[in-house]
């Protein structure tokens, strides 16, 4: 198993990145030195989730995952973690 310092740094996109799970993963990946892009429409996400030790992390893109103009967000991404979703069924 390689250490954090030996792993290549990659662009990683997290949909639902301002939600609890997405932000936890994003924080850890940022700590490991990766370029983290957090995609969230902020209907359920919170900016407070993107603050660790008083500092924000990653690049927040406030857009809906259904937006067809998101191609540039994903360009060059090595990995995409998909956590975007509607948190409450009555909203559907």
PDB file of N, CA and C in Angstrom:
ATOM      1  N   UNK A   1       0.847  -1.175   0.000  1.00  0.00           N
ATOM      2  CA  UNK A   1       0.000   0.000   0.000  1.00  0.00           C
ATOM      3  C   UNK A   1       0.890   1.234   0.000  1.00  0.00           C
ATOM      4  N   UNK A   2       0.581   2.194  -0.873  1.00  0.00           N
ATOM      5  CA  UNK A   2       1.391   3.400  -0.950  1.00  0.00           C
ATOM      6  C   UNK A   2       0.900   4.437   0.051  1.00  0.00           C
ATOM      7  N   UNK A   3       1.795   5.334   0.432  1.00  0.00           N
ATOM      8  CA  UNK A   3       1.416   6.399   1.357  1.00  0.00           C
ATOM      9  C   UNK A   3       0.768   7.541   0.595  1.00  0.00           C
ATOM     10  N   UNK A   4       0.183   8.487   1.341  1.00  0.00           N
ATOM     11  CA  UNK A   4      -0.470   9.643   0.720  1.00  0.00           C
ATOM     12  C   UNK A   4       0.492  10.425  -0.161  1.00  0.00           C
ATOM     13  N   UNK A   5       1.750  10.518   0.234  1.00  0.00           N
ATOM     14  CA  UNK A   5       2.703  11.332  -0.511  1.00  0.00           C
ATOM     15  C   UNK A   5       3.106  10.680  -1.823  1.00  0.00           C
ATOM     16  N   UNK A   6       2.896   9.393  -1.972  1.00  0.00           N
ATOM     17  CA  UNK A   6       3.268   8.695  -3.194  1.00  0.00           C
ATOM     18  C   UNK A   6       2.142   8.670  -4.221  1.00  0.00           C
ATOM     19  N   UNK A   7       0.923   8.966  -3.825  1.00  0.00           N
ATOM     20  CA  UNK A   7      -0.199   8.874  -4.754  1.00  0.00           C
ATOM     21  C   UNK A   7      -0.203  10.074  -5.698  1.00  0.00           C
ATOM     22  N   UNK A   8      -0.547   9.847  -6.967  1.00  0.00           N
ATOM     23  CA  UNK A   8      -0.601  10.968  -7.914  1.00  0.00           C
ATOM     24  C   UNK A   8      -1.752  11.907  -7.562  1.00  0.00           C
ATOM     25  N   UNK A   9      -1.541  13.189  -7.801  1.00  0.00           N
ATOM     26  CA  UNK A   9      -2.584  14.180  -7.530  1.00  0.00           C
ATOM     27  C   UNK A   9      -3.510  14.243  -8.732  1.00  0.00           C
ATOM     28  N   UNK A  10      -4.796  14.179  -8.486  1.00  0.00           N
ATOM     29  CA  UNK A  10      -5.774  14.078  -9.568  1.00  0.00           C
ATOM     30  C   UNK A  10      -6.911  15.078  -9.371  1.00  0.00           C
ATOM     31  N   UNK A  11      -7.585  15.401 -10.489  1.00  0.00           N
ATOM     32  CA  UNK A  11      -8.802  16.211 -10.431  1.00  0.00           C
ATOM     33  C   UNK A  11      -9.958  15.270 -10.138  1.00  0.00           C
ATOM     34  N   UNK A  12     -10.679  15.575  -9.062  1.00  0.00           N
ATOM     35  CA  UNK A  12     -11.795  14.742  -8.638  1.00  0.00           C
ATOM     36  C   UNK A  12     -13.032  15.624  -8.492  1.00  0.00           C
ATOM     37  N   UNK A  13     -14.119  15.229  -9.138  1.00  0.00           N
ATOM     38  CA  UNK A  13     -15.383  15.961  -9.067  1.00  0.00           C
ATOM     39  C   UNK A  13     -16.331  15.198  -8.145  1.00  0.00           C
ATOM     40  N   UNK A  14     -16.980  15.928  -7.246  1.00  0.00           N
ATOM     41  CA  UNK A  14     -17.950  15.321  -6.336  1.00  0.00           C
ATOM     42  C   UNK A  14     -19.283  16.027  -6.534  1.00  0.00           C
ATOM     43  N   UNK A  15     -20.277  15.311  -7.078  1.00  0.00           N
ATOM     44  CA  UNK A  15     -21.616  15.888  -7.184  1.00  0.00           C
ATOM     45  C   UNK A  15     -22.276  15.768  -5.814  1.00  0.00           C
ATOM     46  N   UNK A  16     -23.058  16.771  -5.451  1.00  0.00           N
ATOM     47  CA  UNK A  16     -23.587  16.806  -4.091  1.00  0.00           C
ATOM     48  C   UNK A  16     -22.474  17.131  -3.111  1.00  0.00           C
ATOM     49  N   UNK A  17     -21.485  17.869  -3.570  1.00  0.00           N
ATOM     50  CA  UNK A  17     -20.270  18.124  -2.791  1.00  0.00           C
ATOM     51  C   UNK A  17     -20.447  18.965  -1.548  1.00  0.00           C
ATOM     52  N   UNK A  18     -21.536  19.731  -1.445  1.00  0.00           N
ATOM     53  CA  UNK A  18     -21.769  20.539  -0.250  1.00  0.00           C
ATOM     54  C   UNK A  18     -22.678  19.832   0.748  1.00  0.00           C
ATOM     55  N   UNK A  19     -23.073  18.608   0.440  1.00  0.00           N
ATOM     56  CA  UNK A  19     -23.842  17.802   1.383  1.00  0.00           C
ATOM     57  C   UNK A  19     -22.909  17.143   2.390  1.00  0.00           C
ATOM     58  N   UNK A  20     -23.470  16.447   3.342  1.00  0.00           N
ATOM     59  CA  UNK A  20     -22.647  15.861   4.404  1.00  0.00           C
ATOM     60  C   UNK A  20     -21.637  14.850   3.868  1.00  0.00           C
ATOM     61  N   UNK A  21     -22.090  13.872   3.118  1.00  0.00           N
ATOM     62  CA  UNK A  21     -21.188  12.814   2.644  1.00  0.00           C
ATOM     63  C   UNK A  21     -20.188  13.365   1.635  1.00  0.00           C
ATOM     64  N   UNK A  22     -20.668  14.139   0.660  1.00  0.00           N
ATOM     65  CA  UNK A  22     -19.776  14.700  -0.347  1.00  0.00           C
ATOM     66  C   UNK A  22     -18.708  15.594   0.252  1.00  0.00           C
ATOM     67  N   UNK A  23     -19.084  16.393   1.233  1.00  0.00           N
ATOM     68  CA  UNK A  23     -18.117  17.301   1.854  1.00  0.00           C
ATOM     69  C   UNK A  23     -17.089  16.554   2.698  1.00  0.00           C
ATOM     70  N   UNK A  24     -17.498  15.471   3.336  1.00  0.00           N
ATOM     71  CA  UNK A  24     -16.541  14.684   4.118  1.00  0.00           C
ATOM     72  C   UNK A  24     -15.488  14.055   3.203  1.00  0.00           C
ATOM     73  N   UNK A  25     -15.947  13.488   2.097  1.00  0.00           N
ATOM     74  CA  UNK A  25     -15.018  12.905   1.130  1.00  0.00           C
ATOM     75  C   UNK A  25     -14.135  13.993   0.529  1.00  0.00           C
ATOM     76  N   UNK A  26     -14.736  15.116   0.154  1.00  0.00           N
ATOM     77  CA  UNK A  26     -13.977  16.213  -0.437  1.00  0.00           C
ATOM     78  C   UNK A  26     -12.895  16.740   0.480  1.00  0.00           C
ATOM     79  N   UNK A  27     -13.202  16.869   1.738  1.00  0.00           N
ATOM     80  CA  UNK A  27     -12.224  17.341   2.719  1.00  0.00           C
ATOM     81  C   UNK A  27     -11.017  16.409   2.788  1.00  0.00           C
ATOM     82  N   UNK A  28     -11.275  15.127   2.828  1.00  0.00           N
ATOM     83  CA  UNK A  28     -10.181  14.148   2.900  1.00  0.00           C
ATOM     84  C   UNK A  28      -9.354  14.140   1.623  1.00  0.00           C
ATOM     85  N   UNK A  29     -10.003  14.192   0.469  1.00  0.00           N
ATOM     86  CA  UNK A  29      -9.265  14.200  -0.798  1.00  0.00           C
ATOM     87  C   UNK A  29      -8.438  15.475  -0.941  1.00  0.00           C
ATOM     88  N   UNK A  30      -8.983  16.596  -0.493  1.00  0.00           N
ATOM     89  CA  UNK A  30      -8.236  17.856  -0.510  1.00  0.00           C
ATOM     90  C   UNK A  30      -7.025  17.765   0.416  1.00  0.00           C
ATOM     91  N   UNK A  31      -7.223  17.181   1.584  1.00  0.00           N
ATOM     92  CA  UNK A  31      -6.117  17.005   2.534  1.00  0.00           C
ATOM     93  C   UNK A  31      -4.988  16.188   1.910  1.00  0.00           C
ATOM     94  N   UNK A  32      -5.350  15.252   1.057  1.00  0.00           N
ATOM     95  CA  UNK A  32      -4.356  14.409   0.390  1.00  0.00           C
ATOM     96  C   UNK A  32      -3.729  15.084  -0.824  1.00  0.00           C
ATOM     97  N   UNK A  33      -4.153  16.311  -1.114  1.00  0.00           N
ATOM     98  CA  UNK A  33      -3.523  17.088  -2.165  1.00  0.00           C
ATOM     99  C   UNK A  33      -4.187  17.051  -3.523  1.00  0.00           C
ATOM    100  N   UNK A  34      -5.349  16.432  -3.621  1.00  0.00           N
ATOM    101  CA  UNK A  34      -6.042  16.359  -4.906  1.00  0.00           C
ATOM    102  C   UNK A  34      -6.750  17.679  -5.215  1.00  0.00           C
ATOM    103  N   UNK A  35      -6.979  17.927  -6.493  1.00  0.00           N
ATOM    104  CA  UNK A  35      -7.793  19.058  -6.935  1.00  0.00           C
ATOM    105  C   UNK A  35      -9.249  18.616  -6.811  1.00  0.00           C
ATOM    106  N   UNK A  36      -9.979  19.224  -5.900  1.00  0.00           N
ATOM    107  CA  UNK A  36     -11.349  18.810  -5.610  1.00  0.00           C
ATOM    108  C   UNK A  36     -12.331  19.849  -6.148  1.00  0.00           C
ATOM    109  N   UNK A  37     -13.257  19.392  -6.992  1.00  0.00           N
ATOM    110  CA  UNK A  37     -14.322  20.243  -7.516  1.00  0.00           C
ATOM    111  C   UNK A  37     -15.632  19.736  -6.926  1.00  0.00           C
ATOM    112  N   UNK A  38     -16.318  20.609  -6.213  1.00  0.00           N
ATOM    113  CA  UNK A  38     -17.561  20.262  -5.533  1.00  0.00           C
ATOM    114  C   UNK A  38     -18.725  20.861  -6.312  1.00  0.00           C
ATOM    115  N   UNK A  39     -19.543  20.011  -6.887  1.00  0.00           N
ATOM    116  CA  UNK A  39     -20.689  20.452  -7.679  1.00  0.00           C
ATOM    117  C   UNK A  39     -21.953  20.288  -6.846  1.00  0.00           C
ATOM    118  N   UNK A  40     -22.698  21.379  -6.652  1.00  0.00           N
ATOM    119  CA  UNK A  40     -23.903  21.308  -5.827  1.00  0.00           C
ATOM    120  C   UNK A  40     -24.836  22.446  -6.229  1.00  0.00           C
ATOM    121  N   UNK A  41     -26.141  22.181  -6.264  1.00  0.00           N
ATOM    122  CA  UNK A  41     -27.090  23.258  -6.567  1.00  0.00           C
ATOM    123  C   UNK A  41     -27.522  23.999  -5.306  1.00  0.00           C
ATOM    124  N   UNK A  42     -27.031  23.577  -4.166  1.00  0.00           N
ATOM    125  CA  UNK A  42     -27.246  24.202  -2.864  1.00  0.00           C
ATOM    126  C   UNK A  42     -28.698  24.160  -2.385  1.00  0.00           C
ATOM    127  N   UNK A  43     -29.510  23.265  -2.951  1.00  0.00           N
ATOM    128  CA  UNK A  43     -30.875  23.140  -2.443  1.00  0.00           C
ATOM    129  C   UNK A  43     -30.889  22.403  -1.103  1.00  0.00           C
ATOM    130  N   UNK A  44     -29.932  21.518  -0.892  1.00  0.00           N
ATOM    131  CA  UNK A  44     -29.807  20.818   0.385  1.00  0.00           C
ATOM    132  C   UNK A  44     -28.399  20.914   0.966  1.00  0.00           C
ATOM    133  N   UNK A  45     -27.427  21.307   0.162  1.00  0.00           N
ATOM    134  CA  UNK A  45     -26.051  21.449   0.632  1.00  0.00           C
ATOM    135  C   UNK A  45     -25.889  22.697   1.492  1.00  0.00           C
ATOM    136  N   UNK A  46     -24.801  22.745   2.250  1.00  0.00           N
ATOM    137  CA  UNK A  46     -24.542  23.873   3.150  1.00  0.00           C
ATOM    138  C   UNK A  46     -23.091  24.316   3.018  1.00  0.00           C
ATOM    139  N   UNK A  47     -22.889  25.626   2.925  1.00  0.00           N
ATOM    140  CA  UNK A  47     -21.528  26.158   2.857  1.00  0.00           C
ATOM    141  C   UNK A  47     -20.724  25.802   4.103  1.00  0.00           C
ATOM    142  N   UNK A  48     -21.392  25.692   5.249  1.00  0.00           N
ATOM    143  CA  UNK A  48     -20.695  25.322   6.490  1.00  0.00           C
ATOM    144  C   UNK A  48     -19.991  23.975   6.369  1.00  0.00           C
ATOM    145  N   UNK A  49     -20.503  23.091   5.517  1.00  0.00           N
ATOM    146  CA  UNK A  49     -19.876  21.779   5.332  1.00  0.00           C
ATOM    147  C   UNK A  49     -18.525  21.884   4.631  1.00  0.00           C
ATOM    148  N   UNK A  50     -18.240  23.028   4.022  1.00  0.00           N
ATOM    149  CA  UNK A  50     -17.012  23.189   3.243  1.00  0.00           C
ATOM    150  C   UNK A  50     -15.931  23.938   4.004  1.00  0.00           C
ATOM    151  N   UNK A  51     -16.102  24.060   5.310  1.00  0.00           N
ATOM    152  CA  UNK A  51     -15.120  24.743   6.148  1.00  0.00           C
ATOM    153  C   UNK A  51     -14.506  23.730   7.109  1.00  0.00           C
ATOM    154  N   UNK A  52     -13.188  23.623   7.044  1.00  0.00           N
ATOM    155  CA  UNK A  52     -12.449  22.735   7.943  1.00  0.00           C
ATOM    156  C   UNK A  52     -11.340  23.564   8.576  1.00  0.00           C
ATOM    157  N   UNK A  53     -11.277  23.556   9.888  1.00  0.00           N
ATOM    158  CA  UNK A  53     -10.280  24.341  10.623  1.00  0.00           C
ATOM    159  C   UNK A  53     -10.304  25.810  10.207  1.00  0.00           C
ATOM    160  N   UNK A  54     -11.507  26.338   9.987  1.00  0.00           N
ATOM    161  CA  UNK A  54     -11.665  27.744   9.658  1.00  0.00           C
ATOM    162  C   UNK A  54     -11.370  28.125   8.222  1.00  0.00           C
ATOM    163  N   UNK A  55     -11.077  27.146   7.371  1.00  0.00           N
ATOM    164  CA  UNK A  55     -10.751  27.424   5.971  1.00  0.00           C
ATOM    165  C   UNK A  55     -11.637  26.596   5.052  1.00  0.00           C
ATOM    166  N   UNK A  56     -11.987  27.185   3.905  1.00  0.00           N
ATOM    167  CA  UNK A  56     -12.744  26.435   2.911  1.00  0.00           C
ATOM    168  C   UNK A  56     -11.796  25.577   2.088  1.00  0.00           C
ATOM    169  N   UNK A  57     -12.318  24.560   1.469  1.00  0.00           N
ATOM    170  CA  UNK A  57     -11.502  23.678   0.632  1.00  0.00           C
ATOM    171  C   UNK A  57     -12.219  23.435  -0.683  1.00  0.00           C
ATOM    172  N   UNK A  58     -11.461  23.115  -1.699  1.00  0.00           N
ATOM    173  CA  UNK A  58     -12.019  22.752  -2.991  1.00  0.00           C
ATOM    174  C   UNK A  58     -12.585  23.934  -3.754  1.00  0.00           C
ATOM    175  N   UNK A  59     -13.019  23.649  -4.968  1.00  0.00           N
ATOM    176  CA  UNK A  59     -13.658  24.641  -5.834  1.00  0.00           C
ATOM    177  C   UNK A  59     -15.143  24.315  -5.881  1.00  0.00           C
ATOM    178  N   UNK A  60     -15.977  25.228  -5.397  1.00  0.00           N
ATOM    179  CA  UNK A  60     -17.422  25.017  -5.402  1.00  0.00           C
ATOM    180  C   UNK A  60     -18.008  25.539  -6.704  1.00  0.00           C
ATOM    181  N   UNK A  61     -18.751  24.682  -7.397  1.00  0.00           N
ATOM    182  CA  UNK A  61     -19.490  25.062  -8.601  1.00  0.00           C
ATOM    183  C   UNK A  61     -20.969  24.921  -8.255  1.00  0.00           C
ATOM    184  N   UNK A  62     -21.682  26.049  -8.219  1.00  0.00           N
ATOM    185  CA  UNK A  62     -23.100  26.032  -7.855  1.00  0.00           C
ATOM    186  C   UNK A  62     -23.926  25.933  -9.133  1.00  0.00           C
ATOM    187  N   UNK A  63     -24.299  24.710  -9.459  1.00  0.00           N
ATOM    188  CA  UNK A  63     -25.127  24.415 -10.633  1.00  0.00           C
ATOM    189  C   UNK A  63     -25.881  23.127 -10.360  1.00  0.00           C
ATOM    190  N   UNK A  64     -26.923  22.913 -11.126  1.00  0.00           N
ATOM    191  CA  UNK A  64     -27.706  21.691 -11.034  1.00  0.00           C
ATOM    192  C   UNK A  64     -27.049  20.608 -11.892  1.00  0.00           C
ATOM    193  N   UNK A  65     -27.014  19.405 -11.403  1.00  0.00           N
ATOM    194  CA  UNK A  65     -26.390  18.280 -12.108  1.00  0.00           C
ATOM    195  C   UNK A  65     -27.052  18.036 -13.468  1.00  0.00           C
ATOM    196  N   UNK A  66     -28.279  18.498 -13.637  1.00  0.00           N
ATOM    197  CA  UNK A  66     -28.995  18.305 -14.902  1.00  0.00           C
ATOM    198  C   UNK A  66     -28.646  19.358 -15.952  1.00  0.00           C
ATOM    199  N   UNK A  67     -27.827  20.335 -15.600  1.00  0.00           N
ATOM    200  CA  UNK A  67     -27.445  21.408 -16.518  1.00  0.00           C
ATOM    201  C   UNK A  67     -26.550  20.851 -17.627  1.00  0.00           C
ATOM    202  N   UNK A  68     -26.957  20.969 -18.891  1.00  0.00           N
ATOM    203  CA  UNK A  68     -26.153  20.409 -19.986  1.00  0.00           C
ATOM    204  C   UNK A  68     -24.832  21.145 -20.211  1.00  0.00           C
ATOM    205  N   UNK A  69     -24.655  22.317 -19.617  1.00  0.00           N
ATOM    206  CA  UNK A  69     -23.421  23.085 -19.795  1.00  0.00           C
ATOM    207  C   UNK A  69     -22.328  22.704 -18.795  1.00  0.00           C
ATOM    208  N   UNK A  70     -22.452  21.577 -18.153  1.00  0.00           N
ATOM    209  CA  UNK A  70     -21.476  21.172 -17.140  1.00  0.00           C
ATOM    210  C   UNK A  70     -20.261  20.448 -17.717  1.00  0.00           C
ATOM    211  N   UNK A  71     -20.208  20.289 -18.998  1.00  0.00           N
ATOM    212  CA  UNK A  71     -19.123  19.531 -19.615  1.00  0.00           C
ATOM    213  C   UNK A  71     -17.749  20.023 -19.151  1.00  0.00           C
ATOM    214  N   UNK A  72     -17.569  21.328 -19.034  1.00  0.00           N
ATOM    215  CA  UNK A  72     -16.264  21.864 -18.633  1.00  0.00           C
ATOM    216  C   UNK A  72     -15.897  21.479 -17.202  1.00  0.00           C
ATOM    217  N   UNK A  73     -16.898  21.302 -16.353  1.00  0.00           N
ATOM    218  CA  UNK A  73     -16.619  20.901 -14.967  1.00  0.00           C
ATOM    219  C   UNK A  73     -15.976  19.516 -14.936  1.00  0.00           C
ATOM    220  N   UNK A  74     -16.432  18.637 -15.820  1.00  0.00           N
ATOM    221  CA  UNK A  74     -15.947  17.259 -15.821  1.00  0.00           C
ATOM    222  C   UNK A  74     -14.712  17.048 -16.702  1.00  0.00           C
ATOM    223  N   UNK A  75     -14.381  18.029 -17.537  1.00  0.00           N
ATOM    224  CA  UNK A  75     -13.222  17.904 -18.420  1.00  0.00           C
ATOM    225  C   UNK A  75     -11.951  17.727 -17.596  1.00  0.00           C
ATOM    226  N   UNK A  76     -11.210  16.700 -17.902  1.00  0.00           N
ATOM    227  CA  UNK A  76      -9.949  16.431 -17.214  1.00  0.00           C
ATOM    228  C   UNK A  76     -10.086  15.725 -15.881  1.00  0.00           C
ATOM    229  N   UNK A  77     -11.301  15.401 -15.493  1.00  0.00           N
ATOM    230  CA  UNK A  77     -11.499  14.717 -14.206  1.00  0.00           C
ATOM    231  C   UNK A  77     -11.048  13.265 -14.309  1.00  0.00           C
ATOM    232  N   UNK A  78     -10.314  12.826 -13.315  1.00  0.00           N
ATOM    233  CA  UNK A  78      -9.902  11.429 -13.231  1.00  0.00           C
ATOM    234  C   UNK A  78     -11.031  10.582 -12.652  1.00  0.00           C
ATOM    235  N   UNK A  79     -11.735  11.159 -11.663  1.00  0.00           N
ATOM    236  CA  UNK A  79     -12.767  10.415 -10.946  1.00  0.00           C
ATOM    237  C   UNK A  79     -13.957  11.327 -10.669  1.00  0.00           C
ATOM    238  N   UNK A  80     -15.160  10.759 -10.728  1.00  0.00           N
ATOM    239  CA  UNK A  80     -16.375  11.475 -10.339  1.00  0.00           C
ATOM    240  C   UNK A  80     -17.091  10.630  -9.288  1.00  0.00           C
ATOM    241  N   UNK A  81     -17.352  11.238  -8.139  1.00  0.00           N
ATOM    242  CA  UNK A  81     -18.164  10.604  -7.104  1.00  0.00           C
ATOM    243  C   UNK A  81     -19.540  11.254  -7.168  1.00  0.00           C
ATOM    244  N   UNK A  82     -20.579  10.447  -7.326  1.00  0.00           N
ATOM    245  CA  UNK A  82     -21.931  10.984  -7.497  1.00  0.00           C
ATOM    246  C   UNK A  82     -22.725  10.835  -6.206  1.00  0.00           C
ATOM    247  N   UNK A  83     -22.898  11.959  -5.504  1.00  0.00           N
ATOM    248  CA  UNK A  83     -23.697  11.987  -4.282  1.00  0.00           C
ATOM    249  C   UNK A  83     -24.875  12.950  -4.395  1.00  0.00           C
ATOM    250  N   UNK A  84     -25.106  13.524  -5.573  1.00  0.00           N
ATOM    251  CA  UNK A  84     -26.233  14.451  -5.741  1.00  0.00           C
ATOM    252  C   UNK A  84     -27.539  13.670  -5.682  1.00  0.00           C
ATOM    253  N   UNK A  85     -28.498  14.237  -5.005  1.00  0.00           N
ATOM    254  CA  UNK A  85     -29.801  13.593  -4.921  1.00  0.00           C
ATOM    255  C   UNK A  85     -30.766  14.456  -4.148  1.00  0.00           C
ATOM    256  N   UNK A  86     -32.031  14.173  -4.319  1.00  0.00           N
ATOM    257  CA  UNK A  86     -33.064  14.897  -3.592  1.00  0.00           C
ATOM    258  C   UNK A  86     -33.196  14.260  -2.218  1.00  0.00           C
ATOM    259  N   UNK A  87     -33.070  15.071  -1.179  1.00  0.00           N
ATOM    260  CA  UNK A  87     -33.056  14.539   0.183  1.00  0.00           C
ATOM    261  C   UNK A  87     -34.444  14.233   0.728  1.00  0.00           C
ATOM    262  N   UNK A  88     -35.447  14.875   0.190  1.00  0.00           N
ATOM    263  CA  UNK A  88     -36.802  14.664   0.703  1.00  0.00           C
ATOM    264  C   UNK A  88     -37.744  14.376  -0.466  1.00  0.00           C
ATOM    265  N   UNK A  89     -38.442  13.277  -0.410  1.00  0.00           N
ATOM    266  CA  UNK A  89     -39.318  12.892  -1.510  1.00  0.00           C
ATOM    267  C   UNK A  89     -40.405  13.911  -1.844  1.00  0.00           C
ATOM    268  N   UNK A  90     -40.994  14.632  -0.884  1.00  0.00           N
ATOM    269  CA  UNK A  90     -42.017  15.610  -1.263  1.00  0.00           C
ATOM    270  C   UNK A  90     -41.506  16.678  -2.234  1.00  0.00           C
ATOM    271  N   UNK A  91     -40.220  16.869  -2.314  1.00  0.00           N
ATOM    272  CA  UNK A  91     -39.651  17.860  -3.222  1.00  0.00           C
ATOM    273  C   UNK A  91     -39.725  17.373  -4.662  1.00  0.00           C
ATOM    274  N   UNK A  92     -39.783  16.056  -4.864  1.00  0.00           N
ATOM    275  CA  UNK A  92     -39.772  15.491  -6.222  1.00  0.00           C
ATOM    276  C   UNK A  92     -40.918  15.974  -7.054  1.00  0.00           C
TER     277      UNK A  92
END
